[in-house]
Amino acid sequence: MKLFHTLFLTLILLFSSSAMSAQTSAAKVNINTANVEQISTTMTGVGESKARAIVLYRKTNGKFKTLQDLENVDGIGAKTVEKNKGKIVL
């Protein structure tokens, strides 16, 4: 009975850790292709207004080549880029 209990707990931990890693990898956004909703829901400190500014900047100036290019967008500063660097894909 103790073995069954141990196996059961091990399986629960295994599945919960794989679910957590799936959530982490899903929480990334490609700022060169994402729409306003995708940007605003994924990036911390970026609402609809700033997300719209990112999309508009991209349409006007072309694709972002570096994360620091985001700092050229009105309302996006170094702190916002730093907070989100693990969530942004180019």
Protein backbone atom coordinates (compact mmCIF):
# COMPACT_ATOMS: atom_id res chain seq x y z
CA MET A 1 0.00 0.00 0.00
CA LYS A 2 2.87 2.34 0.81
CA LEU A 3 4.42 1.61 -2.59
CA PHE A 4 1.15 2.47 -4.34
CA HIS A 5 0.95 5.75 -2.44
CA THR A 6 4.55 6.65 -3.36
CA LEU A 7 3.99 5.82 -7.03
CA PHE A 8 0.80 7.86 -7.07
CA LEU A 9 2.55 10.93 -5.60
CA THR A 10 5.44 10.54 -8.03
CA LEU A 11 3.06 10.50 -10.98
CA ILE A 12 1.26 13.59 -9.73
CA LEU A 13 4.54 15.48 -9.40
CA LEU A 14 5.68 14.34 -12.81
CA PHE A 15 2.51 15.49 -14.54
CA SER A 16 2.32 18.78 -12.67
CA SER A 17 5.93 19.69 -13.51
CA SER A 18 5.40 18.90 -17.21
CA ALA A 19 2.24 21.01 -17.19
CA MET A 20 4.18 23.89 -15.63
CA SER A 21 6.90 23.71 -18.27
CA ALA A 22 4.25 23.71 -21.01
CA GLN A 23 2.72 26.87 -19.53
CA THR A 24 6.13 28.54 -19.36
CA SER A 25 6.97 27.83 -22.98
CA ALA A 26 3.54 28.96 -24.12
CA ALA A 27 3.98 32.36 -22.46
CA LYS A 28 6.17 33.81 -25.22
CA VAL A 29 5.23 36.29 -27.90
CA ASN A 30 6.86 37.04 -31.24
CA ILE A 31 6.72 40.83 -31.41
CA ASN A 32 7.34 40.74 -35.16
CA THR A 33 4.18 38.77 -35.90
CA ALA A 34 1.87 39.08 -32.87
CA ASN A 35 -1.31 41.10 -32.84
CA VAL A 36 -2.36 43.60 -30.17
CA GLU A 37 -4.20 41.03 -28.05
CA GLN A 38 -1.31 38.55 -28.06
CA ILE A 39 1.17 41.24 -27.02
CA SER A 40 -1.03 42.76 -24.30
CA THR A 41 -1.91 39.43 -22.70
CA THR A 42 1.62 38.04 -22.72
CA MET A 43 3.82 40.99 -21.82
CA THR A 44 3.91 42.32 -18.26
CA GLY A 45 3.10 46.03 -17.98
CA VAL A 46 1.87 46.26 -21.57
CA GLY A 47 -1.82 46.90 -22.05
CA GLU A 48 -3.80 47.41 -25.23
CA SER A 49 -2.55 50.95 -25.77
CA LYS A 50 1.15 50.05 -25.60
CA ALA A 51 0.55 46.88 -27.62
CA ARG A 52 -1.10 49.00 -30.33
CA ALA A 53 1.96 51.28 -30.28
CA ILE A 54 4.24 48.24 -30.75
CA VAL A 55 2.22 46.98 -33.74
CA LEU A 56 2.07 50.48 -35.28
CA TYR A 57 5.82 50.96 -34.83
CA ARG A 58 6.46 47.59 -36.46
CA LYS A 59 4.21 48.44 -39.43
CA THR A 60 5.91 51.82 -39.87
CA ASN A 61 9.55 50.85 -39.26
CA GLY A 62 9.72 47.16 -40.12
CA LYS A 63 10.58 44.17 -37.95
CA PHE A 64 12.35 44.51 -34.62
CA LYS A 65 15.94 43.31 -34.94
CA THR A 66 16.85 43.44 -31.23
CA LEU A 67 14.95 43.60 -27.96
CA GLN A 68 16.37 47.08 -27.41
CA ASP A 69 14.54 48.25 -30.57
CA LEU A 70 11.38 48.03 -28.47
CA GLU A 71 12.64 51.01 -26.45
CA ASN A 72 12.02 53.17 -29.55
CA VAL A 73 8.26 52.60 -29.14
CA ASP A 74 6.40 55.34 -27.26
CA GLY A 75 5.60 54.13 -23.74
CA ILE A 76 8.08 51.25 -23.76
CA GLY A 77 11.23 51.77 -21.76
CA ALA A 78 14.25 49.77 -20.67
CA LYS A 79 12.45 48.50 -17.54
CA THR A 80 9.54 47.10 -19.56
CA VAL A 81 11.94 45.40 -21.97
CA GLU A 82 13.96 43.97 -19.07
CA LYS A 83 10.83 42.61 -17.32
CA ASN A 84 9.71 40.88 -20.50
CA LYS A 85 12.96 39.70 -22.09
CA GLY A 86 12.16 36.07 -21.30
CA LYS A 87 8.73 36.37 -22.92
CA ILE A 88 9.77 38.01 -26.19
CA VAL A 89 10.79 36.21 -29.36
CA LEU A 90 12.06 38.01 -32.45
